[in-house]
Amino acid sequence: MIPFLLALACQSPSGAPAPAPTTDKANDRILELESSVKDRNGGRTFTLTLDGADVLVDISDPDVNRPPIVSGTAVVEARDPEHGARFVEAAVKFLGEPDPPLGNGHPGPFQIRYAQMSATSVWAVYKLIFEDSDGKAVLMLRTFADGSRAEILKEEGGDNESLARLLAVALRDGADVDAWIPTSTAVRGSEGLSAVQWCGEGIVGVGKSDTGFAVKYWSDLRAQPAELATGPGRPRMLLADPTCTRVALAVDYPTDPDGYDSADPTEILIVDIANKSFEAISGQDETWTLQDAAWSPDGRRVALTTIHKAGAAPFPGVTRVYDAATGEVVATAEPEWDALPWRWEDQLLLRTDPFNRRANQAEWYAWSIEAPAEAATAPALLSPDGEHTLNPGRLEGADPYLTRWVGPHHVLLVGDGVRVRDVSDDSDRPFHTLGGVSGVSVDRDGTRVALLTRTGVRWAPTRR
């Protein structure tokens, strides 16, 4: 039995009123809300308003790997804790349930699943699945071409008790999980970003704009950002230098206005933060794409590894070192290294892709740029308490480029999920309680983290 229905009504694309729901509005099974909808790259975000309280419902594009089922993920989040509490209070009252007891979690983006049940040229109906360790509840969302209002329909015999509890968890209380970071703070004006990174005391991010891309910088995490640069193209990778003077940006230029192709030209831009300007250090090229990058400690040089798009895997990569101010190539790594920049300190440490090696084992090179590279051993990262070391390239299921110490003997592991491992006893725990996290950035000191979610950026201290 479906307990809950959200029907977003609006006008049809032709301008005629959309067909009204065939439900008798004289009874108490319908609760009307205000609604608006905004398209984003990869999905749509609905804002539902009840008693002046806003809730965001962000629906991703369907998973194309699961035909014929049209399904994917979604994220729900209240505008702020006060909005969440008011929305839940009104919705639960409508359901005829008592207000759920306050939980011990912390509110934030809550990830759910959806499946598209039916659709016409005017509307589509989605089944939204809310779930936690204690149960599951289903909602139905009917969307039209433009959501000007919404209706919540209560189904007779539905499990409204479970629904009320999960609404409180998702919008008011947050998940009660023993996470390393139990709570986080939203960064204003960070909606729609595709990449984010710490830069000095602030955060730099890039996302899609009306004309292409927009690079933004938050020097004060409590204020709106400064816009550093805008231009045509689709942003794909962002990397700020250690001095927070420049940002390297990879941009693809789609040849089809309705989509993207692997043969689309790629260009590398260097954004000057102080001057709010950018220059290209490579021409637009459709034969290669950027694989990885690393900045020198002084921010004057940047190493970029490109791979050819054509041909079968493995794709050999070539690493070039550029002068960031002039765009001049000052050195080129030997092609046979087929290695990616991992970290640049006294020397540039390069790591081969283990999937390109028969032994499936990475090899390391240390390169001083002015002299040929030498074979190197895998780096060992010393824990802050000085009692533990680890090899980031040998942590199963974890991205070695994102492995960082975030506690006295606690390491951040990003792979299938984000978790923290206490290396003193090899125990893992969740890093955060948020849903829909697509990016993680830890500052240079390992004391703060920025989490890129579908509804914006959130940050928190790492409790190091």
Protein backbone atom coordinates (compact mmCIF):
# COMPACT_ATOMS: atom_id res chain seq x y z
CA MET A 1 0.00 0.00 0.00
CA ILE A 2 1.42 3.38 -0.98
CA PRO A 3 1.16 5.65 2.08
CA PHE A 4 2.17 8.99 0.66
CA LEU A 5 2.00 10.91 -2.62
CA LEU A 6 3.63 14.15 -3.63
CA ALA A 7 2.00 15.49 -6.82
CA LEU A 8 3.71 18.53 -8.27
CA ALA A 9 1.17 20.32 -10.47
CA CYS A 10 1.81 23.02 -12.99
CA GLN A 11 1.03 24.13 -16.48
CA SER A 12 1.74 21.94 -19.46
CA PRO A 13 4.46 22.97 -21.95
CA SER A 14 1.73 24.35 -24.23
CA GLY A 15 0.57 26.73 -21.52
CA ALA A 16 -2.73 24.97 -20.87
CA PRO A 17 -3.49 23.97 -17.27
CA ALA A 18 -2.21 20.51 -16.38
CA PRO A 19 -4.86 17.86 -15.71
CA ALA A 20 -6.02 18.03 -12.11
CA PRO A 21 -5.58 14.94 -9.91
CA THR A 22 -8.63 12.70 -9.96
CA THR A 23 -8.86 12.74 -6.16
CA ASP A 24 -11.77 14.29 -4.26
CA LYS A 25 -10.27 17.41 -2.64
CA ALA A 26 -13.22 17.71 -0.23
CA ASN A 27 -11.71 15.13 2.09
CA ASP A 28 -8.65 15.32 4.33
CA ARG A 29 -6.34 13.24 2.15
CA ILE A 30 -4.72 16.14 0.29
CA LEU A 31 -2.30 18.72 1.67
CA GLU A 32 -1.26 21.46 -0.76
CA LEU A 33 2.24 22.94 -0.86
CA GLU A 34 3.98 25.58 -2.90
CA SER A 35 6.66 24.30 -5.27
CA SER A 36 9.36 25.40 -7.68
CA VAL A 37 11.77 23.41 -9.86
CA LYS A 38 15.25 24.09 -11.19
CA ASP A 39 17.19 22.02 -13.71
CA ARG A 40 20.83 21.29 -12.97
CA ASN A 41 23.57 19.36 -14.71
CA GLY A 42 22.59 15.74 -14.12
CA GLY A 43 19.16 16.19 -12.59
CA ARG A 44 16.46 18.48 -11.19
CA THR A 45 15.92 20.12 -7.79
CA PHE A 46 12.43 20.71 -6.43
CA THR A 47 11.75 23.12 -3.57
CA LEU A 48 8.63 22.18 -1.60
CA THR A 49 7.25 24.79 0.82
CA LEU A 50 4.87 23.98 3.68
CA ASP A 51 3.91 26.59 6.29
CA GLY A 52 6.84 28.72 5.13
CA ALA A 53 9.34 25.85 5.57
CA ASP A 54 11.42 24.77 2.55
CA VAL A 55 12.56 21.25 1.72
CA LEU A 56 14.78 20.44 -1.28
CA VAL A 57 14.24 17.24 -3.29
CA ASP A 58 17.14 16.70 -5.70
CA ILE A 59 16.56 13.95 -8.28
CA SER A 60 19.47 12.66 -10.35
CA ASP A 61 19.27 11.59 -13.95
CA PRO A 62 18.37 7.88 -14.29
CA ASP A 63 20.96 5.13 -14.07
CA VAL A 64 21.45 4.22 -17.74
CA ASN A 65 23.08 0.92 -16.76
CA ARG A 66 19.80 -0.56 -15.52
CA PRO A 67 17.37 -0.66 -18.46
CA PRO A 68 14.41 -1.02 -18.71
CA ILE A 69 14.07 0.28 -15.13
CA VAL A 70 14.33 4.06 -14.97
CA SER A 71 15.89 4.51 -11.54
CA GLY A 72 18.51 6.49 -9.69
CA THR A 73 19.24 8.32 -6.47
CA ALA A 74 17.79 11.43 -4.90
CA VAL A 75 18.62 13.63 -1.92
CA VAL A 76 16.23 15.41 0.42
CA GLU A 77 17.27 18.21 2.75
CA ALA A 78 15.53 20.96 4.70
CA ARG A 79 16.62 24.54 4.10
CA ASP A 80 17.94 24.63 7.68
CA PRO A 81 17.10 22.83 10.97
CA GLU A 82 14.27 25.25 11.78
CA HIS A 83 12.68 24.71 8.37
CA GLY A 84 13.01 20.96 8.79
CA ALA A 85 11.30 20.96 12.18
CA ARG A 86 8.38 23.08 10.91
CA PHE A 87 7.94 21.01 7.76
CA VAL A 88 7.94 17.74 9.73
CA GLU A 89 5.51 19.09 12.32
CA ALA A 90 2.98 20.09 9.65
CA ALA A 91 3.40 16.93 7.55
CA VAL A 92 3.12 14.60 10.55
CA LYS A 93 0.02 16.41 11.78
CA PHE A 94 -1.54 15.91 8.35
CA LEU A 95 -0.70 12.18 8.48
CA GLY A 96 -2.56 11.93 11.80
CA GLU A 97 0.52 10.75 13.69
CA PRO A 98 2.07 12.08 16.91
CA ASP A 99 5.22 14.14 16.58
CA PRO A 100 8.16 11.63 16.54
CA PRO A 101 10.57 11.93 19.50
CA LEU A 102 13.68 13.99 18.82
CA GLY A 103 16.58 11.90 17.60
CA ASN A 104 20.29 12.11 18.42
CA GLY A 105 21.54 12.68 14.87
CA HIS A 106 22.42 15.86 13.02
CA PRO A 107 20.45 17.10 9.99
CA GLY A 108 21.95 17.26 6.52
CA PRO A 109 21.41 15.82 3.03
CA PHE A 110 19.63 12.46 3.26
CA GLN A 111 20.02 10.08 0.32
CA ILE A 112 17.12 8.03 -0.98
CA ARG A 113 16.39 5.90 -4.06
CA TYR A 114 13.76 6.33 -6.72
CA ALA A 115 12.18 4.45 -9.61
CA GLN A 116 10.08 6.06 -12.32
CA MET A 117 6.72 4.30 -12.32
CA SER A 118 5.06 5.99 -15.31
CA ALA A 119 5.38 9.06 -17.50
CA THR A 120 3.70 11.01 -20.28
CA SER A 121 4.74 14.11 -22.20
CA VAL A 122 3.16 16.19 -19.42
CA TRP A 123 4.00 14.40 -16.17
CA ALA A 124 6.07 11.63 -14.57
CA VAL A 125 5.49 9.60 -11.40
CA TYR A 126 8.41 8.47 -9.25
CA LYS A 127 8.51 6.06 -6.32
CA LEU A 128 10.79 7.50 -3.64
CA ILE A 129 12.24 5.05 -1.14
CA PHE A 130 13.32 6.30 2.29
CA GLU A 131 15.23 3.73 4.32
CA ASP A 132 17.42 3.36 7.40
CA SER A 133 18.43 0.49 9.66
CA ASP A 134 15.05 0.55 11.41
CA GLY A 135 12.71 0.45 8.43
CA LYS A 136 11.53 1.75 5.08
CA ALA A 137 8.78 4.01 3.75
CA VAL A 138 7.66 4.80 0.20
CA LEU A 139 6.50 8.11 -1.26
CA MET A 140 5.17 8.81 -4.72
CA LEU A 141 6.26 11.97 -6.51
CA ARG A 142 4.33 13.16 -9.58
CA THR A 143 6.15 15.94 -11.41
CA PHE A 144 4.98 18.17 -14.23
CA ALA A 145 6.93 20.32 -16.70
CA ASP A 146 7.02 23.21 -14.23
CA GLY A 147 6.20 22.72 -10.55
CA SER A 148 4.19 25.70 -9.29
CA ARG A 149 2.46 23.82 -6.48
CA ALA A 150 2.55 20.40 -4.82
CA GLU A 151 0.03 18.08 -3.20
CA ILE A 152 0.64 15.47 -0.53
CA LEU A 153 -1.88 12.64 -0.72
CA LYS A 154 -2.49 10.38 2.25
CA GLU A 155 -3.33 6.77 1.38
CA GLU A 156 -5.82 4.88 3.50
CA GLY A 157 -4.19 2.00 5.36
CA GLY A 158 -0.66 3.24 4.73
CA ASP A 159 2.16 2.85 7.25
CA ASN A 160 2.04 6.48 8.28
CA GLU A 161 3.88 5.78 11.51
CA SER A 162 7.03 4.63 9.69
CA LEU A 163 6.67 7.47 7.22
CA ALA A 164 6.43 10.07 9.97
CA ARG A 165 9.53 8.64 11.68
CA LEU A 166 11.60 8.65 8.50
CA LEU A 167 10.51 12.18 7.62
CA ALA A 168 11.78 13.29 11.02
CA VAL A 169 15.09 11.47 10.46
CA ALA A 170 15.55 12.83 6.94
CA LEU A 171 14.47 16.45 7.49
CA ARG A 172 14.67 17.28 11.19
CA ASP A 173 16.99 15.02 13.21
CA GLY A 174 19.50 13.41 10.85
CA ALA A 175 20.77 9.84 10.97
CA ASP A 176 21.86 8.58 14.40
CA VAL A 177 25.23 7.20 13.30
CA ASP A 178 28.50 7.09 15.23
CA ALA A 179 30.38 9.06 12.56
CA TRP A 180 33.80 10.69 12.81
CA ILE A 181 32.17 13.98 11.80
CA PRO A 182 28.71 14.02 13.39
CA THR A 183 27.72 17.48 12.13
CA SER A 184 28.76 19.94 9.44
CA THR A 185 28.01 23.48 8.30
CA ALA A 186 26.55 24.46 4.92
CA VAL A 187 28.58 26.86 2.73
CA ARG A 188 26.38 29.65 1.36
CA GLY A 189 25.99 29.93 -2.41
CA SER A 190 27.64 26.57 -3.13
CA GLU A 191 24.78 24.88 -4.95
CA GLY A 192 25.53 23.32 -8.34
CA LEU A 193 29.30 22.80 -7.93
CA SER A 194 31.00 19.85 -9.64
CA ALA A 195 34.38 20.10 -7.84
CA VAL A 196 35.64 21.73 -4.65
CA GLN A 197 38.99 22.10 -2.85
CA TRP A 198 40.48 23.87 0.13
CA CYS A 199 42.54 26.90 -0.86
CA GLY A 200 44.39 28.62 1.98
CA GLU A 201 41.82 29.43 4.66
CA GLY A 202 38.96 29.28 2.14
CA ILE A 203 37.38 27.02 -0.44
CA VAL A 204 37.49 27.20 -4.24
CA GLY A 205 34.92 25.44 -6.40
CA VAL A 206 33.74 25.19 -9.98
CA GLY A 207 30.35 24.42 -11.43
CA LYS A 208 28.13 24.86 -14.44
CA SER A 209 26.82 28.34 -15.27
CA ASP A 210 24.30 29.66 -17.79
CA THR A 211 27.12 30.25 -20.28
CA GLY A 212 29.49 27.39 -19.41
CA PHE A 213 31.53 27.25 -16.21
CA ALA A 214 32.01 29.48 -13.17
CA VAL A 215 34.90 29.36 -10.66
CA LYS A 216 34.05 30.67 -7.18
CA TYR A 217 36.09 31.36 -4.05
CA TRP A 218 34.96 31.53 -0.43
CA SER A 219 37.51 33.43 1.69
CA ASP A 220 34.87 33.55 4.46
CA LEU A 221 32.87 30.33 4.78
CA ARG A 222 30.01 32.27 6.39
CA ALA A 223 29.60 34.64 3.41
CA GLN A 224 28.69 34.45 -0.26
CA PRO A 225 31.58 33.62 -2.65
CA ALA A 226 33.53 35.82 -5.02
CA GLU A 227 33.30 34.86 -8.68
CA LEU A 228 36.81 34.36 -10.07
CA ALA A 229 36.16 33.41 -13.67
CA THR A 230 33.46 32.37 -16.10
CA GLY A 231 33.69 30.99 -19.61
CA PRO A 232 32.28 28.51 -22.12
CA GLY A 233 32.71 24.77 -21.78
CA ARG A 234 32.06 22.05 -19.23
CA PRO A 235 34.40 22.02 -16.18
CA ARG A 236 35.89 18.62 -15.37
CA MET A 237 38.80 18.98 -12.94
CA LEU A 238 39.95 21.63 -10.46
CA LEU A 239 43.24 21.87 -8.58
CA ALA A 240 44.44 24.87 -6.52
CA ASP A 241 48.14 25.46 -5.92
CA PRO A 242 49.52 25.23 -2.35
CA THR A 243 49.92 29.04 -2.08
CA CYS A 244 46.30 29.63 -3.17
CA THR A 245 47.50 31.92 -5.95
CA ARG A 246 46.31 29.96 -9.00
CA VAL A 247 43.87 27.23 -9.93
CA ALA A 248 44.32 24.70 -12.74
CA LEU A 249 41.08 23.88 -14.51
CA ALA A 250 40.30 21.29 -17.21
CA VAL A 251 37.44 22.27 -19.52
CA ASP A 252 35.72 20.17 -22.19
CA TYR A 253 33.97 21.86 -25.13
CA PRO A 254 30.93 19.80 -26.24
CA THR A 255 30.43 19.65 -29.98
CA ASP A 256 26.81 18.57 -29.54
CA PRO A 257 24.60 21.07 -27.68
CA ASP A 258 22.41 18.21 -26.45
CA GLY A 259 25.14 16.06 -24.93
CA TYR A 260 28.81 15.18 -24.54
CA ASP A 261 31.15 12.96 -26.49
CA SER A 262 34.52 11.43 -25.64
CA ALA A 263 35.96 13.20 -28.70
CA ASP A 264 35.03 16.67 -27.43
CA PRO A 265 38.06 19.03 -27.33
CA THR A 266 39.75 19.61 -23.97
CA GLU A 267 41.68 22.67 -22.76
CA ILE A 268 43.69 23.47 -19.63
CA LEU A 269 43.16 26.88 -18.03
CA ILE A 270 45.09 28.62 -15.24
CA VAL A 271 42.90 30.92 -13.12
CA ASP A 272 44.61 33.81 -11.28
CA ILE A 273 42.76 34.23 -7.97
CA ALA A 274 43.91 37.78 -7.20
CA ASN A 275 43.23 39.15 -10.69
CA LYS A 276 40.08 37.08 -11.28
CA SER A 277 41.26 36.14 -14.76
CA PHE A 278 42.38 33.03 -16.62
CA GLU A 279 44.70 32.03 -19.45
CA ALA A 280 44.87 28.81 -21.47
CA ILE A 281 48.17 26.92 -21.28
CA SER A 282 47.11 24.41 -23.93
CA GLY A 283 45.11 24.63 -27.10
CA GLN A 284 41.81 22.87 -27.56
CA ASP A 285 42.53 19.29 -28.56
CA GLU A 286 40.17 16.38 -29.21
CA THR A 287 42.86 13.66 -29.15
CA TRP A 288 43.78 13.77 -25.44
CA THR A 289 42.24 14.34 -22.03
CA LEU A 290 43.65 15.33 -18.65
CA GLN A 291 44.29 12.41 -16.30
CA ASP A 292 45.91 14.02 -13.26
CA ALA A 293 47.84 17.02 -11.98
CA ALA A 294 50.11 18.27 -9.17
CA TRP A 295 51.42 21.73 -8.22
CA SER A 296 54.94 22.55 -7.10
CA PRO A 297 55.15 23.70 -3.44
CA ASP A 298 55.74 27.34 -4.50
CA GLY A 299 52.85 27.33 -6.97
CA ARG A 300 55.06 28.38 -9.89
CA ARG A 301 54.86 25.11 -11.82
CA VAL A 302 52.18 22.54 -12.48
CA ALA A 303 52.60 18.95 -13.69
CA LEU A 304 49.81 17.68 -15.95
CA THR A 305 49.38 14.12 -17.20
CA THR A 306 47.38 13.66 -20.40
CA ILE A 307 46.26 10.43 -22.03
CA HIS A 308 45.20 9.81 -25.63
CA LYS A 309 41.50 9.18 -26.10
CA ALA A 310 41.91 6.91 -29.11
CA GLY A 311 43.06 3.33 -28.96
CA ALA A 312 42.52 0.43 -26.60
CA ALA A 313 43.43 0.34 -22.91
CA PRO A 314 45.90 0.68 -21.33
CA PHE A 315 46.18 4.34 -22.26
CA PRO A 316 49.78 5.53 -21.91
CA GLY A 317 50.03 8.91 -20.23
CA VAL A 318 52.56 11.71 -20.71
CA THR A 319 53.42 14.10 -17.88
CA ARG A 320 54.53 17.63 -18.77
CA VAL A 321 55.60 20.37 -16.37
CA TYR A 322 54.36 23.88 -17.20
CA ASP A 323 55.41 27.30 -16.02
CA ALA A 324 52.10 28.49 -14.56
CA ALA A 325 52.76 32.16 -15.40
CA THR A 326 53.81 31.72 -19.05
CA GLY A 327 52.32 28.36 -20.01
CA GLU A 328 55.73 27.22 -21.26
CA VAL A 329 56.55 23.51 -21.07
CA VAL A 330 59.74 23.31 -18.99
CA ALA A 331 60.09 19.52 -18.81
CA THR A 332 58.52 16.33 -20.16
CA ALA A 333 58.60 12.98 -18.39
CA GLU A 334 59.84 9.92 -20.26
CA PRO A 335 56.87 8.21 -21.97
CA GLU A 336 57.94 4.78 -20.78
CA TRP A 337 57.35 5.81 -17.16
CA ASP A 338 53.59 5.96 -17.87
CA ALA A 339 53.19 7.51 -14.43
CA LEU A 340 50.87 10.03 -12.79
CA PRO A 341 51.88 12.86 -10.45
CA TRP A 342 51.06 11.91 -6.87
CA ARG A 343 52.68 14.53 -4.65
CA TRP A 344 55.22 17.33 -5.18
CA GLU A 345 57.48 18.24 -2.28
CA ASP A 346 61.26 18.39 -2.72
CA GLN A 347 60.76 16.20 -5.79
CA LEU A 348 57.75 15.28 -7.89
CA LEU A 349 56.66 11.80 -6.90
CA LEU A 350 55.09 9.85 -9.76
CA ARG A 351 53.00 6.70 -9.43
CA THR A 352 52.20 4.27 -12.23
CA ASP A 353 48.66 3.09 -12.74
CA PRO A 354 48.68 -0.50 -11.39
CA PHE A 355 45.95 -1.53 -13.84
CA ASN A 356 48.40 -0.86 -16.67
CA ARG A 357 50.89 -3.30 -15.16
CA ARG A 358 50.79 -7.08 -15.50
CA ALA A 359 51.67 -7.55 -11.85
CA ASN A 360 48.90 -5.09 -10.87
CA GLN A 361 51.43 -3.35 -8.62
CA ALA A 362 52.23 0.35 -8.78
CA GLU A 363 55.77 1.59 -9.38
CA TRP A 364 57.11 4.89 -8.09
CA TYR A 365 59.52 7.50 -9.50
CA ALA A 366 61.09 10.57 -7.88
CA TRP A 367 61.69 13.39 -10.37
CA SER A 368 63.63 16.58 -9.65
CA ILE A 369 62.53 18.01 -13.06
CA GLU A 370 66.05 19.25 -13.91
CA ALA A 371 67.40 15.67 -13.90
CA PRO A 372 66.09 12.27 -14.99
CA ALA A 373 63.69 10.54 -12.64
CA GLU A 374 64.89 7.75 -10.40
CA ALA A 375 63.06 4.69 -9.17
CA ALA A 376 61.63 5.28 -5.71
CA THR A 377 60.02 3.25 -2.97
CA ALA A 378 56.39 3.66 -2.04
CA PRO A 379 55.97 6.61 0.35
CA ALA A 380 55.20 5.96 3.99
CA LEU A 381 52.88 8.43 5.70
CA LEU A 382 53.71 8.97 9.38
CA SER A 383 50.72 9.37 11.68
CA PRO A 384 50.42 12.61 13.73
CA ASP A 385 51.19 10.71 16.95
CA GLY A 386 54.40 9.41 15.34
CA GLU A 387 53.61 5.77 16.10
CA HIS A 388 52.17 4.47 12.84
CA THR A 389 53.06 4.50 9.14
CA LEU A 390 51.06 3.40 6.14
CA ASN A 391 51.52 2.98 2.41
CA PRO A 392 48.56 4.70 0.72
CA GLY A 393 49.02 2.64 -2.43
CA ARG A 394 48.33 -0.62 -0.60
CA LEU A 395 45.07 0.19 1.13
CA GLU A 396 42.51 -2.05 -0.54
CA GLY A 397 39.48 -0.22 -1.89
CA ALA A 398 40.85 3.26 -1.11
CA ASP A 399 41.97 6.05 -3.45
CA PRO A 400 45.67 6.67 -2.63
CA TYR A 401 45.37 10.29 -3.82
CA LEU A 402 42.76 11.06 -1.14
CA THR A 403 44.30 9.12 1.74
CA ARG A 404 45.00 11.55 4.60
CA TRP A 405 45.58 11.46 8.34
CA VAL A 406 42.64 13.13 10.10
CA GLY A 407 43.35 12.09 13.69
CA PRO A 408 46.25 10.99 15.95
CA HIS A 409 46.17 7.51 14.38
CA HIS A 410 43.10 7.81 12.17
CA VAL A 411 43.25 7.80 8.38
CA LEU A 412 40.62 8.93 5.87
CA LEU A 413 39.79 6.29 3.26
CA VAL A 414 37.79 7.23 0.17
CA GLY A 415 36.60 4.41 -2.07
CA ASP A 416 33.33 2.54 -1.78
CA GLY A 417 32.03 5.14 0.64
CA VAL A 418 34.02 7.40 2.94
CA ARG A 419 35.30 6.02 6.22
CA VAL A 420 37.93 6.56 8.90
CA ARG A 421 40.21 3.75 10.02
CA ASP A 422 41.85 3.64 13.44
CA VAL A 423 45.14 1.98 12.50
CA SER A 424 45.87 1.13 16.14
CA ASP A 425 43.19 -1.59 16.01
CA ASP A 426 42.16 -1.61 12.29
CA SER A 427 38.58 -0.61 13.12
CA ASP A 428 36.50 1.45 10.66
CA ARG A 429 33.69 3.92 11.25
CA PRO A 430 31.68 6.18 8.93
CA PHE A 431 33.31 9.52 8.23
CA HIS A 432 30.02 11.46 8.03
CA THR A 433 26.24 11.02 8.11
CA LEU A 434 25.43 12.92 4.90
CA GLY A 435 23.78 11.46 1.81
CA GLY A 436 24.73 12.19 -1.79
CA VAL A 437 28.39 13.06 -1.18
CA SER A 438 30.34 13.15 -4.47
CA GLY A 439 33.60 14.82 -3.42
CA VAL A 440 35.87 15.15 -0.39
CA SER A 441 38.66 17.68 0.21
CA VAL A 442 40.88 17.85 3.30
CA ASP A 443 42.98 20.96 3.95
CA ARG A 444 46.79 20.81 3.98
CA ASP A 445 46.96 20.48 7.77
CA GLY A 446 44.36 17.72 7.88
CA THR A 447 42.23 19.74 10.30
CA ARG A 448 39.21 20.61 8.12
CA VAL A 449 37.17 18.79 5.51
CA ALA A 450 34.86 20.01 2.75
CA LEU A 451 32.15 17.64 1.51
CA LEU A 452 30.57 18.19 -1.90
CA THR A 453 26.95 17.04 -1.81
CA ARG A 454 24.17 17.23 -4.35
CA THR A 455 22.63 20.19 -2.53
CA GLY A 456 25.86 22.15 -1.92
CA VAL A 457 29.12 22.13 0.04
CA ARG A 458 29.38 21.45 3.77
CA TRP A 459 32.49 21.74 5.94
CA ALA A 460 33.58 20.56 9.37
CA PRO A 461 36.70 20.20 11.54
CA THR A 462 38.20 16.73 11.35
CA ARG A 463 38.78 16.47 15.12
CA ARG A 464 42.47 15.84 14.55
